[in-house]
Amino acid sequence: QVRLEESGGGLVQPGGSLRLSCVVSGSRATVAAYEMRWWRQAPGKQRELVARIFRGGSTNYTDSVKGRFTISRDNAKNTVFLQMNSLRPEDTAVYYCYIPVYTTWGQGTQVTVSS
């Protein structure tokens, strides 16, 4: 069984930064071998794809976070990160890590941007 565990969420003021982590464990899942994604879901809204990192290392982002968020990975630690800068109140959501090949989600980590 593949397991994803997110961490790093919290309360931050507008303009602040957070770094989310997603540790992948179990089976043969490695962040280096598969596409990894970060999603988010705000209260009353549908889940939204935020960022992806592909096997070759290329990345893409939803328009609202381009230039502010960066997805990356540490192959040795089998961990994917989401660096979030210049945070805005509309970034408030539960953030989830997802590995498509195993259709597995993490439990989510809450990010709240508020003064």
C-alpha atoms as a PDB file:
ATOM      1  CA  GLN A   1       0.000   0.000   0.000  1.00  0.00           C
ATOM      2  CA  VAL A   2       1.227   3.438  -0.923  1.00  0.00           C
ATOM      3  CA  ARG A   3       0.884   6.086   1.758  1.00  0.00           C
ATOM      4  CA  LEU A   4       1.151   9.862   1.402  1.00  0.00           C
ATOM      5  CA  GLU A   5       1.588  12.075   4.430  1.00  0.00           C
ATOM      6  CA  GLU A   6       1.382  15.862   4.126  1.00  0.00           C
ATOM      7  CA  SER A   7       2.666  18.388   6.624  1.00  0.00           C
ATOM      8  CA  GLY A   8       3.604  22.038   6.846  1.00  0.00           C
ATOM      9  CA  GLY A   9       0.240  23.743   6.831  1.00  0.00           C
ATOM     10  CA  GLY A  10      -0.780  26.419   9.282  1.00  0.00           C
ATOM     11  CA  LEU A  11      -1.958  29.976   9.778  1.00  0.00           C
ATOM     12  CA  VAL A  12      -0.032  32.699   7.973  1.00  0.00           C
ATOM     13  CA  GLN A  13      -0.620  36.371   7.278  1.00  0.00           C
ATOM     14  CA  PRO A  14      -1.195  37.625   3.735  1.00  0.00           C
ATOM     15  CA  GLY A  15       2.114  37.962   1.955  1.00  0.00           C
ATOM     16  CA  GLY A  16       3.685  35.222   4.021  1.00  0.00           C
ATOM     17  CA  SER A  17       5.149  31.867   3.036  1.00  0.00           C
ATOM     18  CA  LEU A  18       4.713  28.209   3.856  1.00  0.00           C
ATOM     19  CA  ARG A  19       6.351  25.051   2.600  1.00  0.00           C
ATOM     20  CA  LEU A  20       4.257  21.919   2.398  1.00  0.00           C
ATOM     21  CA  SER A  21       5.821  18.471   2.383  1.00  0.00           C
ATOM     22  CA  CYS A  22       4.457  15.152   1.163  1.00  0.00           C
ATOM     23  CA  VAL A  23       6.321  12.019   2.183  1.00  0.00           C
ATOM     24  CA  VAL A  24       5.644   8.945   0.035  1.00  0.00           C
ATOM     25  CA  SER A  25       6.031   5.501   1.566  1.00  0.00           C
ATOM     26  CA  GLY A  26       5.092   1.908   0.840  1.00  0.00           C
ATOM     27  CA  SER A  27       5.137  -0.333  -2.208  1.00  0.00           C
ATOM     28  CA  ARG A  28       7.600   0.750  -4.874  1.00  0.00           C
ATOM     29  CA  ALA A  29       6.324   4.262  -5.207  1.00  0.00           C
ATOM     30  CA  THR A  30       9.058   6.784  -5.695  1.00  0.00           C
ATOM     31  CA  VAL A  31       8.614  10.460  -6.393  1.00  0.00           C
ATOM     32  CA  ALA A  32      11.352  10.276  -9.004  1.00  0.00           C
ATOM     33  CA  ALA A  33       9.490   7.720 -11.100  1.00  0.00           C
ATOM     34  CA  TYR A  34       5.984   9.120 -11.179  1.00  0.00           C
ATOM     35  CA  GLU A  35       4.022  12.288 -11.683  1.00  0.00           C
ATOM     36  CA  MET A  36       3.075  13.921  -8.402  1.00  0.00           C
ATOM     37  CA  ARG A  37       0.383  16.524  -7.844  1.00  0.00           C
ATOM     38  CA  TRP A  38      -0.777  19.021  -5.265  1.00  0.00           C
ATOM     39  CA  TRP A  39      -4.483  19.785  -5.082  1.00  0.00           C
ATOM     40  CA  ARG A  40      -6.460  22.054  -2.809  1.00  0.00           C
ATOM     41  CA  GLN A  41     -10.048  22.377  -1.690  1.00  0.00           C
ATOM     42  CA  ALA A  42     -11.520  25.507  -0.181  1.00  0.00           C
ATOM     43  CA  PRO A  43     -14.754  25.408   1.834  1.00  0.00           C
ATOM     44  CA  GLY A  44     -17.756  25.083  -0.452  1.00  0.00           C
ATOM     45  CA  LYS A  45     -15.627  24.709  -3.570  1.00  0.00           C
ATOM     46  CA  GLN A  46     -14.503  21.878  -5.796  1.00  0.00           C
ATOM     47  CA  ARG A  47     -11.063  20.397  -5.445  1.00  0.00           C
ATOM     48  CA  GLU A  48      -8.590  22.289  -7.628  1.00  0.00           C
ATOM     49  CA  LEU A  49      -5.355  21.068  -9.203  1.00  0.00           C
ATOM     50  CA  VAL A  50      -2.609  23.434  -8.082  1.00  0.00           C
ATOM     51  CA  ALA A  51       0.689  22.023  -9.343  1.00  0.00           C
ATOM     52  CA  ARG A  52       2.242  19.001 -10.999  1.00  0.00           C
ATOM     53  CA  ILE A  53       5.757  17.676 -11.309  1.00  0.00           C
ATOM     54  CA  PHE A  54       6.449  15.092 -13.972  1.00  0.00           C
ATOM     55  CA  ARG A  55       8.873  12.231 -14.081  1.00  0.00           C
ATOM     56  CA  GLY A  56      11.355  14.250 -16.123  1.00  0.00           C
ATOM     57  CA  GLY A  57      11.181  17.140 -13.692  1.00  0.00           C
ATOM     58  CA  SER A  58       9.040  19.534 -15.681  1.00  0.00           C
ATOM     59  CA  THR A  59       6.298  21.323 -13.798  1.00  0.00           C
ATOM     60  CA  ASN A  60       3.097  23.174 -14.388  1.00  0.00           C
ATOM     61  CA  TYR A  61       0.751  25.279 -12.288  1.00  0.00           C
ATOM     62  CA  THR A  62      -2.736  26.618 -12.247  1.00  0.00           C
ATOM     63  CA  ASP A  63      -2.765  30.249 -13.355  1.00  0.00           C
ATOM     64  CA  SER A  64      -3.646  31.695  -9.967  1.00  0.00           C
ATOM     65  CA  VAL A  65      -0.432  30.436  -8.352  1.00  0.00           C
ATOM     66  CA  LYS A  66       2.088  30.910 -11.182  1.00  0.00           C
ATOM     67  CA  GLY A  67       5.076  32.893 -10.001  1.00  0.00           C
ATOM     68  CA  ARG A  68       4.168  32.353  -6.342  1.00  0.00           C
ATOM     69  CA  PHE A  69       4.205  28.574  -5.808  1.00  0.00           C
ATOM     70  CA  THR A  70       6.958  26.104  -6.654  1.00  0.00           C
ATOM     71  CA  ILE A  71       6.645  22.325  -6.692  1.00  0.00           C
ATOM     72  CA  SER A  72       9.807  20.291  -6.224  1.00  0.00           C
ATOM     73  CA  ARG A  73      10.978  16.927  -5.002  1.00  0.00           C
ATOM     74  CA  ASP A  74      13.779  15.324  -3.031  1.00  0.00           C
ATOM     75  CA  ASN A  75      14.322  11.878  -4.500  1.00  0.00           C
ATOM     76  CA  ALA A  76      16.543  10.721  -1.661  1.00  0.00           C
ATOM     77  CA  LYS A  77      13.827  11.525   0.883  1.00  0.00           C
ATOM     78  CA  ASN A  78      11.000  10.416  -1.414  1.00  0.00           C
ATOM     79  CA  THR A  79       9.299  13.703  -0.675  1.00  0.00           C
ATOM     80  CA  VAL A  80       7.491  16.296  -2.739  1.00  0.00           C
ATOM     81  CA  PHE A  81       7.313  19.934  -1.663  1.00  0.00           C
ATOM     82  CA  LEU A  82       5.114  22.901  -2.409  1.00  0.00           C
ATOM     83  CA  GLN A  83       6.775  26.207  -1.614  1.00  0.00           C
ATOM     84  CA  MET A  84       4.110  28.878  -1.332  1.00  0.00           C
ATOM     85  CA  ASN A  85       5.105  32.534  -1.322  1.00  0.00           C
ATOM     86  CA  SER A  86       3.125  35.762  -1.394  1.00  0.00           C
ATOM     87  CA  LEU A  87       0.155  33.949   0.066  1.00  0.00           C
ATOM     88  CA  ARG A  88      -3.302  35.437  -0.315  1.00  0.00           C
ATOM     89  CA  PRO A  89      -6.537  34.866   1.608  1.00  0.00           C
ATOM     90  CA  GLU A  90      -7.935  33.063  -1.438  1.00  0.00           C
ATOM     91  CA  ASP A  91      -5.180  30.436  -1.050  1.00  0.00           C
ATOM     92  CA  THR A  92      -6.911  29.250   2.120  1.00  0.00           C
ATOM     93  CA  ALA A  93      -7.790  25.582   1.648  1.00  0.00           C
ATOM     94  CA  VAL A  94      -6.936  22.044   2.600  1.00  0.00           C
ATOM     95  CA  TYR A  95      -3.975  20.992   0.462  1.00  0.00           C
ATOM     96  CA  TYR A  96      -3.653  17.402  -0.682  1.00  0.00           C
ATOM     97  CA  CYS A  97      -0.834  15.426  -2.210  1.00  0.00           C
ATOM     98  CA  TYR A  98      -1.781  12.918  -4.926  1.00  0.00           C
ATOM     99  CA  ILE A  99       0.012  10.241  -6.920  1.00  0.00           C
ATOM    100  CA  PRO A 100      -2.033   9.469 -10.047  1.00  0.00           C
ATOM    101  CA  VAL A 101      -0.508   6.105 -10.896  1.00  0.00           C
ATOM    102  CA  TYR A 102      -1.698   4.713  -7.561  1.00  0.00           C
ATOM    103  CA  THR A 103      -4.815   6.927  -7.329  1.00  0.00           C
ATOM    104  CA  THR A 104      -3.822   7.622  -3.753  1.00  0.00           C
ATOM    105  CA  TRP A 105      -4.437  10.775  -1.721  1.00  0.00           C
ATOM    106  CA  GLY A 106      -2.902  12.054   1.463  1.00  0.00           C
ATOM    107  CA  GLN A 107      -5.014  13.154   4.415  1.00  0.00           C
ATOM    108  CA  GLY A 108      -4.525  16.840   3.644  1.00  0.00           C
ATOM    109  CA  THR A 109      -3.032  19.766   5.521  1.00  0.00           C
ATOM    110  CA  GLN A 110      -4.896  22.985   6.308  1.00  0.00           C
ATOM    111  CA  VAL A 111      -3.520  26.293   5.056  1.00  0.00           C
ATOM    112  CA  THR A 112      -5.180  29.437   6.359  1.00  0.00           C
ATOM    113  CA  VAL A 113      -4.145  32.872   5.128  1.00  0.00           C
ATOM    114  CA  SER A 114      -5.572  35.590   7.320  1.00  0.00           C
ATOM    115  CA  SER A 115      -4.582  38.723   9.178  1.00  0.00           C
END
